[in-house]
Amino acid sequence: MERIIEICAGSYQDCIAAYKGKAKRVELNSALSVGGLTPSVASLVRVKKETDLSVICMVRPRAAGFCYEKEDVDIIFEDAKILLENGADGISFGFLRNDGSIHKEYTKEMVDLVHSYQKEAVFHRAFDVTPDAFEAIETLIELGVDRVLTSGQKQKAMEGIDLIKVLNNQYGEKIQILPGSGMNAENARIMMNYTGVYQVHSSCKDYEEDPTTSGKSVTYSYYTGTHANDYESVDQENVEKLISSLQNK
């Protein structure tokens, strides 16, 4: 099976870097500094117009967790529909209850919406805070989710590699397992060979400086030290290295 690299993109520019680096699929977000929020429609439209990338769009209205008020849920569905109508190839989403279990009703409703457009329904790393990974993945399969993004319920996917292997061995024929968090050119092949998955999710991250991030008494920085005036970006060379690491070996 063809090996797939999905690049975690936080902007139109990130998507272009991924495209130039020969990636075939991106997850388009905004605000990666808080784990990714819903992207702008304009960024999606431009990416679809200027590239042949498959674009999975995040729908997440705020930072922190995934147990939402009804108003947030309504907005999530409105955003998802708008993104799908403007060319999104799939929707990345996650709904949990207060106890961390999958919210079945909202998840099924989203799957049905996405599938009505013949697109992919992807449950994101909300999966990684569920209390029982096996119960959660069986629920996602039951509800018709196409793919789950996971770090194996650890901070980094390489730390969760054993759970990822078990999940892929037991459920990989029913749902796609997409490891993400800390994946790069040094470990993607190890992840694939050990677990049997054929795709990984990576930010291929570098940094860009914006000197207006900080003034004399005010700062909008979300980093400290060397990167205090920086924001994250996808590095084309890192994308190329990641793809190359999986070829001809």
C-alpha atoms as a PDB file:
ATOM      1  CA  MET A   1       0.000   0.000   0.000  1.00  0.00           C
ATOM      2  CA  GLU A   2       1.248   3.486  -0.836  1.00  0.00           C
ATOM      3  CA  ARG A   3       2.706   5.272   2.142  1.00  0.00           C
ATOM      4  CA  ILE A   4       1.045   8.604   2.897  1.00  0.00           C
ATOM      5  CA  ILE A   5       2.404  11.689   4.624  1.00  0.00           C
ATOM      6  CA  GLU A   6      -0.177  14.113   5.981  1.00  0.00           C
ATOM      7  CA  ILE A   7       1.233  17.526   6.839  1.00  0.00           C
ATOM      8  CA  CYS A   8      -0.264  19.504   9.706  1.00  0.00           C
ATOM      9  CA  ALA A   9      -0.695  22.983   8.222  1.00  0.00           C
ATOM     10  CA  GLY A  10      -1.602  26.160  10.057  1.00  0.00           C
ATOM     11  CA  SER A  11      -2.044  28.438   7.058  1.00  0.00           C
ATOM     12  CA  TYR A  12      -2.235  28.786   3.297  1.00  0.00           C
ATOM     13  CA  GLN A  13       1.548  29.270   3.244  1.00  0.00           C
ATOM     14  CA  ASP A  14       2.047  26.004   5.133  1.00  0.00           C
ATOM     15  CA  CYS A  15      -0.040  24.177   2.543  1.00  0.00           C
ATOM     16  CA  ILE A  16       2.031  25.608  -0.288  1.00  0.00           C
ATOM     17  CA  ALA A  17       5.240  24.511   1.459  1.00  0.00           C
ATOM     18  CA  ALA A  18       3.776  21.021   1.881  1.00  0.00           C
ATOM     19  CA  TYR A  19       2.740  20.945  -1.785  1.00  0.00           C
ATOM     20  CA  LYS A  20       6.159  22.061  -2.997  1.00  0.00           C
ATOM     21  CA  GLY A  21       7.693  19.409  -0.761  1.00  0.00           C
ATOM     22  CA  LYS A  22       5.636  16.777  -2.640  1.00  0.00           C
ATOM     23  CA  ALA A  23       3.126  15.978   0.094  1.00  0.00           C
ATOM     24  CA  LYS A  24      -0.270  14.799  -1.128  1.00  0.00           C
ATOM     25  CA  ARG A  25      -2.462  15.547   1.894  1.00  0.00           C
ATOM     26  CA  VAL A  26      -2.689  18.236   4.556  1.00  0.00           C
ATOM     27  CA  GLU A  27      -4.758  18.865   7.643  1.00  0.00           C
ATOM     28  CA  LEU A  28      -5.589  22.569   7.462  1.00  0.00           C
ATOM     29  CA  ASN A  29      -5.937  24.438  10.753  1.00  0.00           C
ATOM     30  CA  SER A  30      -5.500  27.851  12.242  1.00  0.00           C
ATOM     31  CA  ALA A  31      -3.901  28.584  15.629  1.00  0.00           C
ATOM     32  CA  LEU A  32      -1.558  25.605  15.879  1.00  0.00           C
ATOM     33  CA  SER A  33      -0.165  27.164  19.044  1.00  0.00           C
ATOM     34  CA  VAL A  34      -3.270  25.851  20.844  1.00  0.00           C
ATOM     35  CA  GLY A  35      -3.432  22.556  18.982  1.00  0.00           C
ATOM     36  CA  GLY A  36      -5.288  23.762  15.901  1.00  0.00           C
ATOM     37  CA  LEU A  37      -8.602  25.538  15.391  1.00  0.00           C
ATOM     38  CA  THR A  38     -10.986  25.906  12.448  1.00  0.00           C
ATOM     39  CA  PRO A  39      -9.236  27.484   9.429  1.00  0.00           C
ATOM     40  CA  SER A  40     -10.530  30.323   7.300  1.00  0.00           C
ATOM     41  CA  VAL A  41     -12.598  29.444   4.254  1.00  0.00           C
ATOM     42  CA  ALA A  42     -10.445  31.772   2.156  1.00  0.00           C
ATOM     43  CA  SER A  43      -7.319  29.752   2.938  1.00  0.00           C
ATOM     44  CA  LEU A  44      -9.082  26.533   1.933  1.00  0.00           C
ATOM     45  CA  VAL A  45     -10.378  28.012  -1.313  1.00  0.00           C
ATOM     46  CA  ARG A  46      -6.937  29.304  -2.302  1.00  0.00           C
ATOM     47  CA  VAL A  47      -5.229  25.995  -1.514  1.00  0.00           C
ATOM     48  CA  LYS A  48      -7.768  24.007  -3.538  1.00  0.00           C
ATOM     49  CA  LYS A  49      -7.508  26.472  -6.428  1.00  0.00           C
ATOM     50  CA  GLU A  50      -3.702  26.491  -6.550  1.00  0.00           C
ATOM     51  CA  THR A  51      -2.799  22.877  -5.699  1.00  0.00           C
ATOM     52  CA  ASP A  52      -4.061  19.315  -6.052  1.00  0.00           C
ATOM     53  CA  LEU A  53      -3.629  18.635  -2.339  1.00  0.00           C
ATOM     54  CA  SER A  54      -6.208  16.614  -0.473  1.00  0.00           C
ATOM     55  CA  VAL A  55      -7.263  19.013   2.288  1.00  0.00           C
ATOM     56  CA  ILE A  56      -8.700  17.758   5.571  1.00  0.00           C
ATOM     57  CA  CYS A  57     -10.092  20.703   7.541  1.00  0.00           C
ATOM     58  CA  MET A  58     -10.105  20.957  11.301  1.00  0.00           C
ATOM     59  CA  VAL A  59     -13.353  22.036  12.948  1.00  0.00           C
ATOM     60  CA  ARG A  60     -12.635  23.159  16.503  1.00  0.00           C
ATOM     61  CA  PRO A  61     -14.037  26.425  17.825  1.00  0.00           C
ATOM     62  CA  ARG A  62     -11.799  26.980  20.850  1.00  0.00           C
ATOM     63  CA  ALA A  63      -8.710  25.835  22.724  1.00  0.00           C
ATOM     64  CA  ALA A  64      -8.577  23.319  25.600  1.00  0.00           C
ATOM     65  CA  GLY A  65     -10.765  20.209  25.542  1.00  0.00           C
ATOM     66  CA  PHE A  66     -13.543  18.715  23.467  1.00  0.00           C
ATOM     67  CA  CYS A  67     -16.684  18.790  25.619  1.00  0.00           C
ATOM     68  CA  TYR A  68     -18.674  21.574  24.020  1.00  0.00           C
ATOM     69  CA  GLU A  69     -21.698  23.680  24.837  1.00  0.00           C
ATOM     70  CA  LYS A  70     -24.607  23.331  22.431  1.00  0.00           C
ATOM     71  CA  GLU A  71     -23.847  26.700  20.828  1.00  0.00           C
ATOM     72  CA  ASP A  72     -20.302  25.554  20.058  1.00  0.00           C
ATOM     73  CA  VAL A  73     -21.632  22.328  18.560  1.00  0.00           C
ATOM     74  CA  ASP A  74     -23.987  24.269  16.306  1.00  0.00           C
ATOM     75  CA  ILE A  75     -21.085  26.412  15.081  1.00  0.00           C
ATOM     76  CA  ILE A  76     -18.900  23.326  14.508  1.00  0.00           C
ATOM     77  CA  PHE A  77     -21.538  21.853  12.220  1.00  0.00           C
ATOM     78  CA  GLU A  78     -22.096  25.133  10.412  1.00  0.00           C
ATOM     79  CA  ASP A  79     -18.356  25.489   9.854  1.00  0.00           C
ATOM     80  CA  ALA A  80     -18.063  21.889   8.656  1.00  0.00           C
ATOM     81  CA  LYS A  81     -20.822  22.369   6.102  1.00  0.00           C
ATOM     82  CA  ILE A  82     -19.287  25.612   4.794  1.00  0.00           C
ATOM     83  CA  LEU A  83     -15.850  23.982   4.491  1.00  0.00           C
ATOM     84  CA  LEU A  84     -17.275  20.950   2.699  1.00  0.00           C
ATOM     85  CA  GLU A  85     -19.179  23.159   0.289  1.00  0.00           C
ATOM     86  CA  ASN A  86     -15.941  24.987  -0.470  1.00  0.00           C
ATOM     87  CA  GLY A  87     -13.900  21.936  -1.384  1.00  0.00           C
ATOM     88  CA  ALA A  88     -12.694  20.307   1.838  1.00  0.00           C
ATOM     89  CA  ASP A  89     -11.807  16.654   1.225  1.00  0.00           C
ATOM     90  CA  GLY A  90     -12.602  15.706   4.789  1.00  0.00           C
ATOM     91  CA  ILE A  91     -13.297  17.033   8.257  1.00  0.00           C
ATOM     92  CA  SER A  92     -11.163  16.460  11.359  1.00  0.00           C
ATOM     93  CA  PHE A  93     -13.250  16.707  14.520  1.00  0.00           C
ATOM     94  CA  GLY A  94     -13.754  15.358  18.019  1.00  0.00           C
ATOM     95  CA  PHE A  95     -16.665  15.312  20.457  1.00  0.00           C
ATOM     96  CA  LEU A  96     -16.300  14.039  24.025  1.00  0.00           C
ATOM     97  CA  ARG A  97     -18.565  13.868  27.059  1.00  0.00           C
ATOM     98  CA  ASN A  98     -17.575  15.181  30.489  1.00  0.00           C
ATOM     99  CA  ASP A  99     -16.189  11.768  31.426  1.00  0.00           C
ATOM    100  CA  GLY A 100     -13.935  11.708  28.350  1.00  0.00           C
ATOM    101  CA  SER A 101     -15.947   9.115  26.443  1.00  0.00           C
ATOM    102  CA  ILE A 102     -16.928   9.605  22.811  1.00  0.00           C
ATOM    103  CA  HIS A 103     -20.085  11.662  22.341  1.00  0.00           C
ATOM    104  CA  LYS A 104     -21.885   9.205  20.111  1.00  0.00           C
ATOM    105  CA  GLU A 105     -24.741  11.398  18.956  1.00  0.00           C
ATOM    106  CA  TYR A 106     -22.616  14.335  17.804  1.00  0.00           C
ATOM    107  CA  THR A 107     -20.019  12.036  16.267  1.00  0.00           C
ATOM    108  CA  LYS A 108     -22.612  10.106  14.276  1.00  0.00           C
ATOM    109  CA  GLU A 109     -24.203  13.342  13.103  1.00  0.00           C
ATOM    110  CA  MET A 110     -20.828  14.622  11.881  1.00  0.00           C
ATOM    111  CA  VAL A 111     -19.983  11.349  10.145  1.00  0.00           C
ATOM    112  CA  ASP A 112     -23.328  11.442   8.358  1.00  0.00           C
ATOM    113  CA  LEU A 113     -22.782  15.060   7.290  1.00  0.00           C
ATOM    114  CA  VAL A 114     -19.273  14.407   5.956  1.00  0.00           C
ATOM    115  CA  HIS A 115     -20.302  11.217   4.176  1.00  0.00           C
ATOM    116  CA  SER A 116     -23.234  13.006   2.548  1.00  0.00           C
ATOM    117  CA  TYR A 117     -20.544  14.931   0.643  1.00  0.00           C
ATOM    118  CA  GLN A 118     -18.638  11.662  -0.056  1.00  0.00           C
ATOM    119  CA  LYS A 119     -15.691  12.959   2.014  1.00  0.00           C
ATOM    120  CA  GLU A 120     -13.605  11.551   4.883  1.00  0.00           C
ATOM    121  CA  ALA A 121     -14.605  11.749   8.550  1.00  0.00           C
ATOM    122  CA  VAL A 122     -11.504  11.933  10.754  1.00  0.00           C
ATOM    123  CA  PHE A 123     -11.600  11.813  14.553  1.00  0.00           C
ATOM    124  CA  HIS A 124      -8.664  13.862  15.824  1.00  0.00           C
ATOM    125  CA  ARG A 125      -6.515  13.535  18.938  1.00  0.00           C
ATOM    126  CA  ALA A 126      -9.445  14.044  21.270  1.00  0.00           C
ATOM    127  CA  PHE A 127      -9.131  10.248  21.073  1.00  0.00           C
ATOM    128  CA  ASP A 128      -5.934  10.496  23.105  1.00  0.00           C
ATOM    129  CA  VAL A 129      -7.706  11.769  26.233  1.00  0.00           C
ATOM    130  CA  THR A 130     -10.426   9.116  26.236  1.00  0.00           C
ATOM    131  CA  PRO A 131     -10.162   6.846  29.309  1.00  0.00           C
ATOM    132  CA  ASP A 132     -10.377   3.571  27.361  1.00  0.00           C
ATOM    133  CA  ALA A 133      -8.723   3.515  23.938  1.00  0.00           C
ATOM    134  CA  PHE A 134     -10.277   0.207  22.941  1.00  0.00           C
ATOM    135  CA  GLU A 135     -13.813   1.198  23.871  1.00  0.00           C
ATOM    136  CA  ALA A 136     -13.272   4.524  22.076  1.00  0.00           C
ATOM    137  CA  ILE A 137     -11.996   3.040  18.829  1.00  0.00           C
ATOM    138  CA  GLU A 138     -14.757   0.432  18.756  1.00  0.00           C
ATOM    139  CA  THR A 139     -17.260   3.264  19.153  1.00  0.00           C
ATOM    140  CA  LEU A 140     -15.674   5.189  16.289  1.00  0.00           C
ATOM    141  CA  ILE A 141     -15.820   2.112  14.069  1.00  0.00           C
ATOM    142  CA  GLU A 142     -19.451   1.530  15.005  1.00  0.00           C
ATOM    143  CA  LEU A 143     -20.258   5.144  14.074  1.00  0.00           C
ATOM    144  CA  GLY A 144     -18.523   4.931  10.692  1.00  0.00           C
ATOM    145  CA  VAL A 145     -15.469   7.135  11.272  1.00  0.00           C
ATOM    146  CA  ASP A 146     -12.910   6.655   8.473  1.00  0.00           C
ATOM    147  CA  ARG A 147      -9.689   7.538  10.289  1.00  0.00           C
ATOM    148  CA  VAL A 148      -8.396   8.354  13.761  1.00  0.00           C
ATOM    149  CA  LEU A 149      -5.409  10.608  14.461  1.00  0.00           C
ATOM    150  CA  THR A 150      -3.581   9.420  17.573  1.00  0.00           C
ATOM    151  CA  SER A 151      -0.317   9.584  19.477  1.00  0.00           C
ATOM    152  CA  GLY A 152      -1.146   6.309  21.188  1.00  0.00           C
ATOM    153  CA  GLN A 153      -2.485   8.256  24.188  1.00  0.00           C
ATOM    154  CA  LYS A 154       0.998   9.584  24.973  1.00  0.00           C
ATOM    155  CA  GLN A 155       2.441  13.055  24.474  1.00  0.00           C
ATOM    156  CA  LYS A 156       4.438  11.856  21.467  1.00  0.00           C
ATOM    157  CA  ALA A 157       3.522   9.079  19.039  1.00  0.00           C
ATOM    158  CA  MET A 158       6.837   7.254  19.482  1.00  0.00           C
ATOM    159  CA  GLU A 159       6.043   6.983  23.197  1.00  0.00           C
ATOM    160  CA  GLY A 160       2.657   5.488  22.311  1.00  0.00           C
ATOM    161  CA  ILE A 161       4.003   3.209  19.579  1.00  0.00           C
ATOM    162  CA  ASP A 162       3.022  -0.030  21.318  1.00  0.00           C
ATOM    163  CA  LEU A 163      -0.628   0.989  21.655  1.00  0.00           C
ATOM    164  CA  ILE A 164      -0.624   2.215  18.053  1.00  0.00           C
ATOM    165  CA  LYS A 165       0.632  -1.202  16.952  1.00  0.00           C
ATOM    166  CA  VAL A 166      -2.074  -3.003  18.920  1.00  0.00           C
ATOM    167  CA  LEU A 167      -4.788  -0.711  17.581  1.00  0.00           C
ATOM    168  CA  ASN A 168      -3.621  -1.176  14.008  1.00  0.00           C
ATOM    169  CA  ASN A 169      -3.326  -4.949  14.371  1.00  0.00           C
ATOM    170  CA  GLN A 170      -6.777  -5.305  15.908  1.00  0.00           C
ATOM    171  CA  TYR A 171      -8.714  -2.596  14.081  1.00  0.00           C
ATOM    172  CA  GLY A 172      -6.676  -1.422  11.086  1.00  0.00           C
ATOM    173  CA  GLU A 173      -8.918  -3.183   8.584  1.00  0.00           C
ATOM    174  CA  LYS A 174     -11.951  -1.318   9.932  1.00  0.00           C
ATOM    175  CA  ILE A 175     -10.536   2.169  10.540  1.00  0.00           C
ATOM    176  CA  GLN A 176      -7.375   3.938   9.381  1.00  0.00           C
ATOM    177  CA  ILE A 177      -4.840   4.563  12.150  1.00  0.00           C
ATOM    178  CA  LEU A 178      -2.889   7.804  11.635  1.00  0.00           C
ATOM    179  CA  PRO A 179      -0.021   8.329  14.112  1.00  0.00           C
ATOM    180  CA  GLY A 180       0.805  11.943  14.854  1.00  0.00           C
ATOM    181  CA  SER A 181       2.800  14.096  17.299  1.00  0.00           C
ATOM    182  CA  GLY A 182       6.545  14.238  16.965  1.00  0.00           C
ATOM    183  CA  MET A 183       6.725  12.348  13.671  1.00  0.00           C
ATOM    184  CA  ASN A 184       9.656  13.265  11.433  1.00  0.00           C
ATOM    185  CA  ALA A 185      12.212  11.958   8.938  1.00  0.00           C
ATOM    186  CA  GLU A 186      14.108  10.165  11.702  1.00  0.00           C
ATOM    187  CA  ASN A 187      11.234   8.092  13.068  1.00  0.00           C
ATOM    188  CA  ALA A 188       8.454   7.776  10.457  1.00  0.00           C
ATOM    189  CA  ARG A 189       9.892   4.603   8.921  1.00  0.00           C
ATOM    190  CA  ILE A 190      10.365   3.077  12.365  1.00  0.00           C
ATOM    191  CA  MET A 191       6.734   3.838  13.196  1.00  0.00           C
ATOM    192  CA  MET A 192       5.444   2.320   9.966  1.00  0.00           C
ATOM    193  CA  ASN A 193       7.611  -0.785  10.088  1.00  0.00           C
ATOM    194  CA  TYR A 194       6.898  -1.534  13.740  1.00  0.00           C
ATOM    195  CA  THR A 195       3.159  -0.854  13.794  1.00  0.00           C
ATOM    196  CA  GLY A 196       2.128  -1.753  10.241  1.00  0.00           C
ATOM    197  CA  VAL A 197       0.483   1.631   9.580  1.00  0.00           C
ATOM    198  CA  TYR A 198       0.981   3.147   6.139  1.00  0.00           C
ATOM    199  CA  GLN A 199       0.541   6.822   6.967  1.00  0.00           C
ATOM    200  CA  VAL A 200       1.811   9.406   9.450  1.00  0.00           C
ATOM    201  CA  HIS A 201       0.902  12.971  10.378  1.00  0.00           C
ATOM    202  CA  SER A 202       3.717  15.515  10.772  1.00  0.00           C
ATOM    203  CA  SER A 203       4.102  19.265  11.179  1.00  0.00           C
ATOM    204  CA  CYS A 204       7.583  19.319   9.544  1.00  0.00           C
ATOM    205  CA  LYS A 205       7.965  22.392  11.707  1.00  0.00           C
ATOM    206  CA  ASP A 206      10.307  25.334  11.460  1.00  0.00           C
ATOM    207  CA  TYR A 207      10.007  28.907  12.690  1.00  0.00           C
ATOM    208  CA  GLU A 208       9.466  32.287  11.069  1.00  0.00           C
ATOM    209  CA  GLU A 209      10.232  35.564  12.812  1.00  0.00           C
ATOM    210  CA  ASP A 210       7.807  38.462  13.098  1.00  0.00           C
ATOM    211  CA  PRO A 211       9.639  41.374  14.752  1.00  0.00           C
ATOM    212  CA  THR A 212       6.358  43.038  15.703  1.00  0.00           C
ATOM    213  CA  THR A 213       5.505  40.190  18.097  1.00  0.00           C
ATOM    214  CA  SER A 214       6.930  42.161  21.015  1.00  0.00           C
ATOM    215  CA  GLY A 215       7.071  45.843  21.900  1.00  0.00           C
ATOM    216  CA  LYS A 216       8.641  47.672  24.814  1.00  0.00           C
ATOM    217  CA  SER A 217       6.005  46.603  27.335  1.00  0.00           C
ATOM    218  CA  VAL A 218       3.664  44.319  25.387  1.00  0.00           C
ATOM    219  CA  THR A 219       4.240  40.894  23.856  1.00  0.00           C
ATOM    220  CA  TYR A 220       2.105  38.534  21.815  1.00  0.00           C
ATOM    221  CA  SER A 221       4.695  35.775  21.967  1.00  0.00           C
ATOM    222  CA  TYR A 222       3.755  32.175  22.678  1.00  0.00           C
ATOM    223  CA  TYR A 223       7.371  31.068  22.856  1.00  0.00           C
ATOM    224  CA  THR A 224      10.226  32.129  25.083  1.00  0.00           C
ATOM    225  CA  GLY A 225      13.953  32.373  24.553  1.00  0.00           C
ATOM    226  CA  THR A 226      15.341  32.032  21.026  1.00  0.00           C
ATOM    227  CA  HIS A 227      11.887  31.765  19.428  1.00  0.00           C
ATOM    228  CA  ALA A 228      10.218  34.534  21.423  1.00  0.00           C
ATOM    229  CA  ASN A 229       9.304  36.499  18.273  1.00  0.00           C
ATOM    230  CA  ASP A 230       8.602  33.452  16.109  1.00  0.00           C
ATOM    231  CA  TYR A 231       5.590  31.549  14.842  1.00  0.00           C
ATOM    232  CA  GLU A 232       5.478  27.976  13.582  1.00  0.00           C
ATOM    233  CA  SER A 233       5.598  27.184   9.891  1.00  0.00           C
ATOM    234  CA  VAL A 234       5.906  24.137   7.656  1.00  0.00           C
ATOM    235  CA  ASP A 235       9.395  23.795   6.216  1.00  0.00           C
ATOM    236  CA  GLN A 236       9.499  22.538   2.612  1.00  0.00           C
ATOM    237  CA  GLU A 237      12.875  20.916   3.123  1.00  0.00           C
ATOM    238  CA  ASN A 238      11.618  19.010   6.157  1.00  0.00           C
ATOM    239  CA  VAL A 239       8.679  17.737   4.089  1.00  0.00           C
ATOM    240  CA  GLU A 240      11.063  16.581   1.372  1.00  0.00           C
ATOM    241  CA  LYS A 241      13.294  14.839   3.934  1.00  0.00           C
ATOM    242  CA  LEU A 242      10.324  13.055   5.483  1.00  0.00           C
ATOM    243  CA  ILE A 243       9.036  11.797   2.141  1.00  0.00           C
ATOM    244  CA  SER A 244      12.532  10.793   1.034  1.00  0.00           C
ATOM    245  CA  SER A 245      13.043   8.825   4.253  1.00  0.00           C
ATOM    246  CA  LEU A 246      10.232   6.484   3.231  1.00  0.00           C
ATOM    247  CA  GLN A 247      11.408   5.854  -0.324  1.00  0.00           C
ATOM    248  CA  ASN A 248      13.777   3.328  -1.824  1.00  0.00           C
ATOM    249  CA  LYS A 249      14.643   1.506   1.387  1.00  0.00           C
END
